[in-house]
Amino acid sequence: MEKESSNFKFFQHGDCEYFPCHKINNSDDFNCLFCYCPLYALGENCGGNFTRTDKGIKNCSNCSYPHHKENYDGVLEKLLTLIEQLKTTKI
């Protein structure tokens, strides 16, 4: 099925009290679709610009990867990786 537009790849909630939640050069392009990063669970392999706190906790406050509209497809690709990993994980 061919899509005529890709508007579903972008959502912005400019009235949110946290908007924008990360520093970004152009807030008009800030994508709120992935408000909570679905890639966090990938740990070191998330593809984002994260650091670690002194206690070793992942700190994503300087990462805006999922908030750039051009990264929508990349986020979905990474989510497929996570899904495949979960299929082989014994809980």
C-alpha atoms as a PDB file:
ATOM      1  CA  MET A   1       0.000   0.000   0.000  1.00  0.00           C
ATOM      2  CA  GLU A   2       1.527   3.250  -1.115  1.00  0.00           C
ATOM      3  CA  LYS A   3       1.101   6.282   1.121  1.00  0.00           C
ATOM      4  CA  GLU A   4       0.606   9.739  -0.331  1.00  0.00           C
ATOM      5  CA  SER A   5       1.922  11.517   2.750  1.00  0.00           C
ATOM      6  CA  SER A   6       3.995  10.767   5.798  1.00  0.00           C
ATOM      7  CA  ASN A   7       2.322  13.124   8.252  1.00  0.00           C
ATOM      8  CA  PHE A   8       1.905  10.211  10.679  1.00  0.00           C
ATOM      9  CA  LYS A   9       5.675  10.338  11.268  1.00  0.00           C
ATOM     10  CA  PHE A  10       5.501  13.685  13.061  1.00  0.00           C
ATOM     11  CA  PHE A  11       3.567  15.023  16.043  1.00  0.00           C
ATOM     12  CA  GLN A  12       4.250  18.096  18.109  1.00  0.00           C
ATOM     13  CA  HIS A  13       2.651  19.089  21.387  1.00  0.00           C
ATOM     14  CA  GLY A  14       3.804  22.672  21.749  1.00  0.00           C
ATOM     15  CA  ASP A  15       1.546  23.273  24.754  1.00  0.00           C
ATOM     16  CA  CYS A  16       3.270  20.555  26.797  1.00  0.00           C
ATOM     17  CA  GLU A  17       4.851  21.983  29.949  1.00  0.00           C
ATOM     18  CA  TYR A  18       8.095  20.171  29.035  1.00  0.00           C
ATOM     19  CA  PHE A  19       8.253  21.279  25.393  1.00  0.00           C
ATOM     20  CA  PRO A  20      10.884  21.034  24.143  1.00  0.00           C
ATOM     21  CA  CYS A  21      12.285  18.462  26.554  1.00  0.00           C
ATOM     22  CA  HIS A  22      15.720  18.522  24.879  1.00  0.00           C
ATOM     23  CA  LYS A  23      17.796  21.355  23.476  1.00  0.00           C
ATOM     24  CA  ILE A  24      17.397  21.520  19.719  1.00  0.00           C
ATOM     25  CA  ASN A  25      18.266  24.162  17.134  1.00  0.00           C
ATOM     26  CA  ASN A  26      14.823  24.391  15.520  1.00  0.00           C
ATOM     27  CA  SER A  27      11.847  23.680  17.770  1.00  0.00           C
ATOM     28  CA  ASP A  28       9.528  23.705  14.715  1.00  0.00           C
ATOM     29  CA  ASP A  29      11.085  20.374  13.747  1.00  0.00           C
ATOM     30  CA  PHE A  30      10.909  18.865  17.250  1.00  0.00           C
ATOM     31  CA  ASN A  31       9.007  15.584  17.055  1.00  0.00           C
ATOM     32  CA  CYS A  32       7.075  14.587  20.186  1.00  0.00           C
ATOM     33  CA  LEU A  33       5.873  11.308  18.697  1.00  0.00           C
ATOM     34  CA  PHE A  34       8.390   9.324  20.747  1.00  0.00           C
ATOM     35  CA  CYS A  35       7.941  11.311  23.950  1.00  0.00           C
ATOM     36  CA  TYR A  36       9.464   8.498  25.986  1.00  0.00           C
ATOM     37  CA  CYS A  37      12.294   6.997  23.972  1.00  0.00           C
ATOM     38  CA  PRO A  38      11.402   3.495  22.816  1.00  0.00           C
ATOM     39  CA  LEU A  39      15.117   2.829  22.251  1.00  0.00           C
ATOM     40  CA  TYR A  40      16.162   3.195  25.895  1.00  0.00           C
ATOM     41  CA  ALA A  41      15.882  -0.552  26.427  1.00  0.00           C
ATOM     42  CA  LEU A  42      18.536  -1.172  23.765  1.00  0.00           C
ATOM     43  CA  GLY A  43      21.145   0.133  26.191  1.00  0.00           C
ATOM     44  CA  GLU A  44      24.486   0.756  24.489  1.00  0.00           C
ATOM     45  CA  ASN A  45      22.977  -0.070  21.074  1.00  0.00           C
ATOM     46  CA  CYS A  46      20.246   2.585  21.055  1.00  0.00           C
ATOM     47  CA  GLY A  47      22.121   4.779  18.567  1.00  0.00           C
ATOM     48  CA  GLY A  48      21.590   7.935  20.585  1.00  0.00           C
ATOM     49  CA  ASN A  49      23.925  10.428  22.212  1.00  0.00           C
ATOM     50  CA  PHE A  50      23.752   9.324  25.847  1.00  0.00           C
ATOM     51  CA  THR A  51      26.154   9.415  28.756  1.00  0.00           C
ATOM     52  CA  ARG A  52      26.349   7.578  32.062  1.00  0.00           C
ATOM     53  CA  THR A  53      26.003   9.138  35.486  1.00  0.00           C
ATOM     54  CA  ASP A  54      28.580   8.540  38.214  1.00  0.00           C
ATOM     55  CA  LYS A  55      26.326   5.697  39.386  1.00  0.00           C
ATOM     56  CA  GLY A  56      26.255   4.125  35.919  1.00  0.00           C
ATOM     57  CA  ILE A  57      22.704   5.142  35.030  1.00  0.00           C
ATOM     58  CA  LYS A  58      21.998   5.925  31.395  1.00  0.00           C
ATOM     59  CA  ASN A  59      21.459   9.683  30.959  1.00  0.00           C
ATOM     60  CA  CYS A  60      19.676  10.684  27.745  1.00  0.00           C
ATOM     61  CA  SER A  61      19.200  14.364  28.540  1.00  0.00           C
ATOM     62  CA  ASN A  62      21.619  15.411  25.757  1.00  0.00           C
ATOM     63  CA  CYS A  63      20.106  13.071  23.163  1.00  0.00           C
ATOM     64  CA  SER A  64      17.523  14.301  20.695  1.00  0.00           C
ATOM     65  CA  TYR A  65      17.747  11.424  18.173  1.00  0.00           C
ATOM     66  CA  PRO A  66      14.094  10.273  18.429  1.00  0.00           C
ATOM     67  CA  HIS A  67      12.903  13.890  18.330  1.00  0.00           C
ATOM     68  CA  HIS A  68      14.157  14.628  14.805  1.00  0.00           C
ATOM     69  CA  LYS A  69      11.456  13.915  12.254  1.00  0.00           C
ATOM     70  CA  GLU A  70      13.982  12.557   9.769  1.00  0.00           C
ATOM     71  CA  ASN A  71      14.885   9.786  12.263  1.00  0.00           C
ATOM     72  CA  TYR A  72      11.405   8.211  12.357  1.00  0.00           C
ATOM     73  CA  ASP A  73      12.385   5.331  10.053  1.00  0.00           C
ATOM     74  CA  GLY A  74      15.623   4.775  11.974  1.00  0.00           C
ATOM     75  CA  VAL A  75      13.731   4.531  15.261  1.00  0.00           C
ATOM     76  CA  LEU A  76      11.399   1.927  13.746  1.00  0.00           C
ATOM     77  CA  GLU A  77      14.360  -0.084  12.451  1.00  0.00           C
ATOM     78  CA  LYS A  78      15.913  -0.060  15.921  1.00  0.00           C
ATOM     79  CA  LEU A  79      12.564  -1.123  17.416  1.00  0.00           C
ATOM     80  CA  LEU A  80      12.537  -4.149  15.117  1.00  0.00           C
ATOM     81  CA  THR A  81      15.969  -5.043  16.510  1.00  0.00           C
ATOM     82  CA  LEU A  82      14.582  -4.801  20.036  1.00  0.00           C
ATOM     83  CA  ILE A  83      11.595  -6.983  19.130  1.00  0.00           C
ATOM     84  CA  GLU A  84      13.900  -9.646  17.689  1.00  0.00           C
ATOM     85  CA  GLN A  85      16.038  -9.566  20.838  1.00  0.00           C
ATOM     86  CA  LEU A  86      12.953  -9.988  23.013  1.00  0.00           C
ATOM     87  CA  LYS A  87      11.839 -13.009  21.003  1.00  0.00           C
ATOM     88  CA  THR A  88      15.011 -14.859  21.993  1.00  0.00           C
ATOM     89  CA  THR A  89      15.114 -13.678  25.606  1.00  0.00           C
ATOM     90  CA  LYS A  90      13.946 -16.080  28.266  1.00  0.00           C
ATOM     91  CA  ILE A  91      12.142 -14.315  31.064  1.00  0.00           C
END
